[in-house]
Amino acid sequence: RSNDPETIEAVEKLGIDTICITVENAQ
């Protein structure tokens, strides 16, 4: 999810890519 930057930072330190998704409407 897009609103958890702390987890994103920790995961990327493992050398694993991250993709954040936001899904609140059709677009």
PDB file of all heavy atoms in Angstrom:
ATOM      1  N   ARG A   1       0.830  -1.198   0.000  1.00  0.00           N
ATOM      2  CA  ARG A   1       0.000   0.000   0.000  1.00  0.00           C
ATOM      3  C   ARG A   1       0.870   1.256   0.000  1.00  0.00           C
ATOM      4  O   ARG A   1       2.013   1.238   0.460  1.00  0.00           O
ATOM      5  CB  ARG A   1      -0.950  -0.010   1.186  1.00  0.00           C
ATOM      6  CG  ARG A   1      -0.296  -0.196   2.533  1.00  0.00           C
ATOM      7  CD  ARG A   1      -1.331  -0.463   3.627  1.00  0.00           C
ATOM      8  NE  ARG A   1      -0.718  -0.840   4.880  1.00  0.00           N
ATOM      9  CZ  ARG A   1      -0.321  -0.004   5.817  1.00  0.00           C
ATOM     10  NH1 ARG A   1      -0.481   1.308   5.630  1.00  0.00           N
ATOM     11  NH2 ARG A   1       0.217  -0.439   6.936  1.00  0.00           N
ATOM     12  N   SER A   2       0.293   2.349  -0.468  1.00  0.00           N
ATOM     13  CA  SER A   2       1.074   3.566  -0.683  1.00  0.00           C
ATOM     14  C   SER A   2       1.361   4.356   0.586  1.00  0.00           C
ATOM     15  O   SER A   2       2.261   5.209   0.572  1.00  0.00           O
ATOM     16  CB  SER A   2       0.343   4.475  -1.676  1.00  0.00           C
ATOM     17  OG  SER A   2       0.252   3.864  -2.939  1.00  0.00           O
ATOM     18  N   ASN A   3       0.632   4.110   1.651  1.00  0.00           N
ATOM     19  CA  ASN A   3       0.761   4.953   2.837  1.00  0.00           C
ATOM     20  C   ASN A   3       1.562   4.307   3.963  1.00  0.00           C
ATOM     21  O   ASN A   3       1.250   4.477   5.143  1.00  0.00           O
ATOM     22  CB  ASN A   3      -0.625   5.366   3.341  1.00  0.00           C
ATOM     23  CG  ASN A   3      -1.511   4.177   3.681  1.00  0.00           C
ATOM     24  OD1 ASN A   3      -1.180   3.041   3.354  1.00  0.00           O
ATOM     25  ND2 ASN A   3      -2.635   4.430   4.341  1.00  0.00           N
ATOM     26  N   ASP A   4       2.601   3.544   3.597  1.00  0.00           N
ATOM     27  CA  ASP A   4       3.439   2.896   4.600  1.00  0.00           C
ATOM     28  C   ASP A   4       4.916   3.026   4.200  1.00  0.00           C
ATOM     29  O   ASP A   4       5.582   2.038   3.892  1.00  0.00           O
ATOM     30  CB  ASP A   4       3.045   1.426   4.744  1.00  0.00           C
ATOM     31  CG  ASP A   4       3.782   0.717   5.864  1.00  0.00           C
ATOM     32  OD1 ASP A   4       4.468   1.399   6.655  1.00  0.00           O
ATOM     33  OD2 ASP A   4       3.694  -0.523   5.943  1.00  0.00           O
ATOM     34  N   PRO A   5       5.469   4.253   4.203  1.00  0.00           N
ATOM     35  CA  PRO A   5       6.845   4.464   3.743  1.00  0.00           C
ATOM     36  C   PRO A   5       7.889   3.757   4.595  1.00  0.00           C
ATOM     37  O   PRO A   5       8.955   3.393   4.076  1.00  0.00           O
ATOM     38  CB  PRO A   5       7.009   5.991   3.812  1.00  0.00           C
ATOM     39  CG  PRO A   5       5.972   6.455   4.789  1.00  0.00           C
ATOM     40  CD  PRO A   5       4.813   5.522   4.606  1.00  0.00           C
ATOM     41  N   GLU A   6       7.618   3.543   5.879  1.00  0.00           N
ATOM     42  CA  GLU A   6       8.594   2.877   6.742  1.00  0.00           C
ATOM     43  C   GLU A   6       8.866   1.449   6.263  1.00  0.00           C
ATOM     44  O   GLU A   6      10.015   1.003   6.209  1.00  0.00           O
ATOM     45  CB  GLU A   6       8.105   2.865   8.193  1.00  0.00           C
ATOM     46  CG  GLU A   6       8.044   4.223   8.852  1.00  0.00           C
ATOM     47  CD  GLU A   6       6.769   4.982   8.521  1.00  0.00           C
ATOM     48  OE1 GLU A   6       5.877   4.388   7.856  1.00  0.00           O
ATOM     49  OE2 GLU A   6       6.656   6.162   8.906  1.00  0.00           O
ATOM     50  N   THR A   7       7.780   0.730   5.919  1.00  0.00           N
ATOM     51  CA  THR A   7       7.953  -0.636   5.424  1.00  0.00           C
ATOM     52  C   THR A   7       8.682  -0.643   4.088  1.00  0.00           C
ATOM     53  O   THR A   7       9.559  -1.479   3.858  1.00  0.00           O
ATOM     54  CB  THR A   7       6.584  -1.332   5.282  1.00  0.00           C
ATOM     55  OG1 THR A   7       6.010  -1.498   6.577  1.00  0.00           O
ATOM     56  CG2 THR A   7       6.727  -2.696   4.621  1.00  0.00           C
ATOM     57  N   ILE A   8       8.328   0.280   3.219  1.00  0.00           N
ATOM     58  CA  ILE A   8       8.988   0.364   1.905  1.00  0.00           C
ATOM     59  C   ILE A   8      10.492   0.543   2.082  1.00  0.00           C
ATOM     60  O   ILE A   8      11.307  -0.133   1.422  1.00  0.00           O
ATOM     61  CB  ILE A   8       8.402   1.532   1.082  1.00  0.00           C
ATOM     62  CG1 ILE A   8       6.918   1.297   0.805  1.00  0.00           C
ATOM     63  CG2 ILE A   8       9.170   1.706  -0.223  1.00  0.00           C
ATOM     64  CD1 ILE A   8       6.597   0.016   0.084  1.00  0.00           C
ATOM     65  N   GLU A   9      10.885   1.424   2.978  1.00  0.00           N
ATOM     66  CA  GLU A   9      12.315   1.672   3.209  1.00  0.00           C
ATOM     67  C   GLU A   9      13.009   0.421   3.746  1.00  0.00           C
ATOM     68  O   GLU A   9      14.112   0.069   3.298  1.00  0.00           O
ATOM     69  CB  GLU A   9      12.476   2.823   4.202  1.00  0.00           C
ATOM     70  CG  GLU A   9      13.929   3.189   4.488  1.00  0.00           C
ATOM     71  CD  GLU A   9      14.066   4.342   5.468  1.00  0.00           C
ATOM     72  OE1 GLU A   9      13.022   4.885   5.902  1.00  0.00           O
ATOM     73  OE2 GLU A   9      15.214   4.698   5.804  1.00  0.00           O
ATOM     74  N   ALA A  10      12.369  -0.267   4.674  1.00  0.00           N
ATOM     75  CA  ALA A  10      12.970  -1.471   5.265  1.00  0.00           C
ATOM     76  C   ALA A  10      13.119  -2.575   4.240  1.00  0.00           C
ATOM     77  O   ALA A  10      14.139  -3.280   4.207  1.00  0.00           O
ATOM     78  CB  ALA A  10      12.117  -1.945   6.440  1.00  0.00           C
ATOM     79  N   VAL A  11      12.107  -2.745   3.376  1.00  0.00           N
ATOM     80  CA  VAL A  11      12.153  -3.805   2.367  1.00  0.00           C
ATOM     81  C   VAL A  11      13.233  -3.517   1.328  1.00  0.00           C
ATOM     82  O   VAL A  11      13.967  -4.422   0.904  1.00  0.00           O
ATOM     83  CB  VAL A  11      10.774  -3.954   1.691  1.00  0.00           C
ATOM     84  CG1 VAL A  11      10.863  -4.886   0.477  1.00  0.00           C
ATOM     85  CG2 VAL A  11       9.755  -4.491   2.687  1.00  0.00           C
ATOM     86  N   GLU A  12      13.362  -2.279   0.929  1.00  0.00           N
ATOM     87  CA  GLU A  12      14.366  -1.949  -0.082  1.00  0.00           C
ATOM     88  C   GLU A  12      15.780  -2.119   0.446  1.00  0.00           C
ATOM     89  O   GLU A  12      16.713  -2.346  -0.328  1.00  0.00           O
ATOM     90  CB  GLU A  12      14.125  -0.535  -0.606  1.00  0.00           C
ATOM     91  CG  GLU A  12      12.831  -0.453  -1.426  1.00  0.00           C
ATOM     92  CD  GLU A  12      12.702   0.833  -2.208  1.00  0.00           C
ATOM     93  OE1 GLU A  12      13.253   1.854  -1.773  1.00  0.00           O
ATOM     94  OE2 GLU A  12      12.025   0.796  -3.259  1.00  0.00           O
ATOM     95  N   LYS A  13      15.964  -2.043   1.762  1.00  0.00           N
ATOM     96  CA  LYS A  13      17.275  -2.316   2.341  1.00  0.00           C
ATOM     97  C   LYS A  13      17.661  -3.787   2.189  1.00  0.00           C
ATOM     98  O   LYS A  13      18.838  -4.140   2.277  1.00  0.00           O
ATOM     99  CB  LYS A  13      17.286  -1.918   3.821  1.00  0.00           C
ATOM    100  CG  LYS A  13      17.333  -0.409   4.040  1.00  0.00           C
ATOM    101  CD  LYS A  13      17.373  -0.057   5.522  1.00  0.00           C
ATOM    102  CE  LYS A  13      17.437   1.443   5.731  1.00  0.00           C
ATOM    103  NZ  LYS A  13      17.425   1.808   7.175  1.00  0.00           N
ATOM    104  N   LEU A  14      16.643  -4.635   1.967  1.00  0.00           N
ATOM    105  CA  LEU A  14      16.905  -6.054   1.710  1.00  0.00           C
ATOM    106  C   LEU A  14      17.279  -6.303   0.253  1.00  0.00           C
ATOM    107  O   LEU A  14      17.580  -7.436  -0.130  1.00  0.00           O
ATOM    108  CB  LEU A  14      15.674  -6.895   2.057  1.00  0.00           C
ATOM    109  CG  LEU A  14      15.220  -6.922   3.514  1.00  0.00           C
ATOM    110  CD1 LEU A  14      13.927  -7.713   3.655  1.00  0.00           C
ATOM    111  CD2 LEU A  14      16.304  -7.511   4.398  1.00  0.00           C
ATOM    112  N   GLY A  15      17.255  -5.248  -0.566  1.00  0.00           N
ATOM    113  CA  GLY A  15      17.547  -5.412  -1.986  1.00  0.00           C
ATOM    114  C   GLY A  15      16.361  -5.907  -2.779  1.00  0.00           C
ATOM    115  O   GLY A  15      16.501  -6.388  -3.897  1.00  0.00           O
ATOM    116  N   ILE A  16      15.167  -5.788  -2.209  1.00  0.00           N
ATOM    117  CA  ILE A  16      13.936  -6.219  -2.870  1.00  0.00           C
ATOM    118  C   ILE A  16      13.203  -4.983  -3.379  1.00  0.00           C
ATOM    119  O   ILE A  16      13.022  -4.010  -2.646  1.00  0.00           O
ATOM    120  CB  ILE A  16      13.048  -7.015  -1.895  1.00  0.00           C
ATOM    121  CG1 ILE A  16      13.759  -8.298  -1.463  1.00  0.00           C
ATOM    122  CG2 ILE A  16      11.691  -7.339  -2.524  1.00  0.00           C
ATOM    123  CD1 ILE A  16      13.052  -9.057  -0.351  1.00  0.00           C
ATOM    124  N   ASP A  17      12.799  -5.006  -4.643  1.00  0.00           N
ATOM    125  CA  ASP A  17      12.032  -3.899  -5.194  1.00  0.00           C
ATOM    126  C   ASP A  17      10.707  -3.749  -4.457  1.00  0.00           C
ATOM    127  O   ASP A  17      10.194  -4.713  -3.865  1.00  0.00           O
ATOM    128  CB  ASP A  17      11.725  -4.131  -6.680  1.00  0.00           C
ATOM    129  CG  ASP A  17      12.946  -3.959  -7.577  1.00  0.00           C
ATOM    130  OD1 ASP A  17      13.965  -3.428  -7.095  1.00  0.00           O
ATOM    131  OD2 ASP A  17      12.866  -4.346  -8.754  1.00  0.00           O
ATOM    132  N   THR A  18      10.145  -2.560  -4.518  1.00  0.00           N
ATOM    133  CA  THR A  18       8.805  -2.338  -3.975  1.00  0.00           C
ATOM    134  C   THR A  18       7.972  -1.570  -4.978  1.00  0.00           C
ATOM    135  O   THR A  18       8.467  -0.689  -5.680  1.00  0.00           O
ATOM    136  CB  THR A  18       8.856  -1.531  -2.654  1.00  0.00           C
ATOM    137  OG1 THR A  18       9.563  -0.305  -2.874  1.00  0.00           O
ATOM    138  CG2 THR A  18       9.528  -2.317  -1.552  1.00  0.00           C
ATOM    139  N   ILE A  19       6.698  -1.930  -5.061  1.00  0.00           N
ATOM    140  CA  ILE A  19       5.727  -1.188  -5.862  1.00  0.00           C
ATOM    141  C   ILE A  19       4.572  -0.821  -4.953  1.00  0.00           C
ATOM    142  O   ILE A  19       3.961  -1.695  -4.327  1.00  0.00           O
ATOM    143  CB  ILE A  19       5.220  -2.011  -7.055  1.00  0.00           C
ATOM    144  CG1 ILE A  19       6.333  -2.213  -8.084  1.00  0.00           C
ATOM    145  CG2 ILE A  19       4.024  -1.321  -7.717  1.00  0.00           C
ATOM    146  CD1 ILE A  19       5.916  -3.048  -9.285  1.00  0.00           C
ATOM    147  N   CYS A  20       4.280   0.466  -4.862  1.00  0.00           N
ATOM    148  CA  CYS A  20       3.149   0.938  -4.069  1.00  0.00           C
ATOM    149  C   CYS A  20       1.929   1.092  -4.972  1.00  0.00           C
ATOM    150  O   CYS A  20       2.045   1.570  -6.100  1.00  0.00           O
ATOM    151  CB  CYS A  20       3.475   2.286  -3.434  1.00  0.00           C
ATOM    152  SG  CYS A  20       4.798   2.215  -2.217  1.00  0.00           S
ATOM    153  N   ILE A  21       0.774   0.676  -4.472  1.00  0.00           N
ATOM    154  CA  ILE A  21      -0.449   0.831  -5.244  1.00  0.00           C
ATOM    155  C   ILE A  21      -1.483   1.605  -4.446  1.00  0.00           C
ATOM    156  O   ILE A  21      -1.593   1.462  -3.233  1.00  0.00           O
ATOM    157  CB  ILE A  21      -1.022  -0.528  -5.708  1.00  0.00           C
ATOM    158  CG1 ILE A  21      -1.327  -1.445  -4.525  1.00  0.00           C
ATOM    159  CG2 ILE A  21      -0.066  -1.216  -6.667  1.00  0.00           C
ATOM    160  CD1 ILE A  21      -2.005  -2.754  -4.927  1.00  0.00           C
ATOM    161  N   THR A  22      -2.217   2.458  -5.155  1.00  0.00           N
ATOM    162  CA  THR A  22      -3.341   3.212  -4.600  1.00  0.00           C
ATOM    163  C   THR A  22      -4.556   2.869  -5.438  1.00  0.00           C
ATOM    164  O   THR A  22      -4.516   2.993  -6.666  1.00  0.00           O
ATOM    165  CB  THR A  22      -3.082   4.731  -4.672  1.00  0.00           C
ATOM    166  OG1 THR A  22      -1.900   5.031  -3.918  1.00  0.00           O
ATOM    167  CG2 THR A  22      -4.258   5.507  -4.113  1.00  0.00           C
ATOM    168  N   VAL A  23      -5.638   2.428  -4.821  1.00  0.00           N
ATOM    169  CA  VAL A  23      -6.793   1.933  -5.587  1.00  0.00           C
ATOM    170  C   VAL A  23      -8.095   2.421  -4.955  1.00  0.00           C
ATOM    171  O   VAL A  23      -8.783   1.669  -4.279  1.00  0.00           O
ATOM    172  CB  VAL A  23      -6.782   0.387  -5.694  1.00  0.00           C
ATOM    173  CG1 VAL A  23      -5.898  -0.078  -6.818  1.00  0.00           C
ATOM    174  CG2 VAL A  23      -6.285  -0.263  -4.392  1.00  0.00           C
ATOM    175  N   GLU A  24      -8.440   3.658  -5.202  1.00  0.00           N
ATOM    176  CA  GLU A  24      -9.639   4.230  -4.607  1.00  0.00           C
ATOM    177  C   GLU A  24     -10.685   4.668  -5.634  1.00  0.00           C
ATOM    178  O   GLU A  24     -11.714   5.223  -5.270  1.00  0.00           O
ATOM    179  CB  GLU A  24      -9.269   5.426  -3.716  1.00  0.00           C
ATOM    180  CG  GLU A  24      -8.360   5.078  -2.541  1.00  0.00           C
ATOM    181  CD  GLU A  24      -8.979   4.109  -1.541  1.00  0.00           C
ATOM    182  OE1 GLU A  24     -10.192   3.847  -1.628  1.00  0.00           O
ATOM    183  OE2 GLU A  24      -8.232   3.600  -0.681  1.00  0.00           O
ATOM    184  N   ASN A  25     -10.424   4.451  -6.912  1.00  0.00           N
ATOM    185  CA  ASN A  25     -11.406   4.774  -7.950  1.00  0.00           C
ATOM    186  C   ASN A  25     -11.031   4.039  -9.229  1.00  0.00           C
ATOM    187  O   ASN A  25     -10.037   3.306  -9.265  1.00  0.00           O
ATOM    188  CB  ASN A  25     -11.487   6.294  -8.192  1.00  0.00           C
ATOM    189  CG  ASN A  25     -10.134   6.911  -8.508  1.00  0.00           C
ATOM    190  OD1 ASN A  25      -9.407   6.419  -9.361  1.00  0.00           O
ATOM    191  ND2 ASN A  25      -9.794   7.987  -7.814  1.00  0.00           N
ATOM    192  N   ALA A  26     -11.821   4.234 -10.278  1.00  0.00           N
ATOM    193  CA  ALA A  26     -11.612   3.499 -11.524  1.00  0.00           C
ATOM    194  C   ALA A  26     -10.242   3.778 -12.126  1.00  0.00           C
ATOM    195  O   ALA A  26      -9.551   2.859 -12.598  1.00  0.00           O
ATOM    196  CB  ALA A  26     -12.711   3.850 -12.526  1.00  0.00           C
ATOM    197  N   GLN A  27      -9.820   5.044 -12.133  1.00  0.00           N
ATOM    198  CA  GLN A  27      -8.521   5.373 -12.722  1.00  0.00           C
ATOM    199  C   GLN A  27      -7.381   4.733 -11.947  1.00  0.00           C
ATOM    200  O   GLN A  27      -6.396   4.265 -12.533  1.00  0.00           O
ATOM    201  CB  GLN A  27      -8.335   6.893 -12.782  1.00  0.00           C
ATOM    202  CG  GLN A  27      -7.116   7.323 -13.597  1.00  0.00           C
ATOM    203  CD  GLN A  27      -7.158   6.814 -15.027  1.00  0.00           C
ATOM    204  OE1 GLN A  27      -8.120   7.049 -15.745  1.00  0.00           O
ATOM    205  NE2 GLN A  27      -6.123   6.095 -15.443  1.00  0.00           N
TER     206      GLN A  27
END
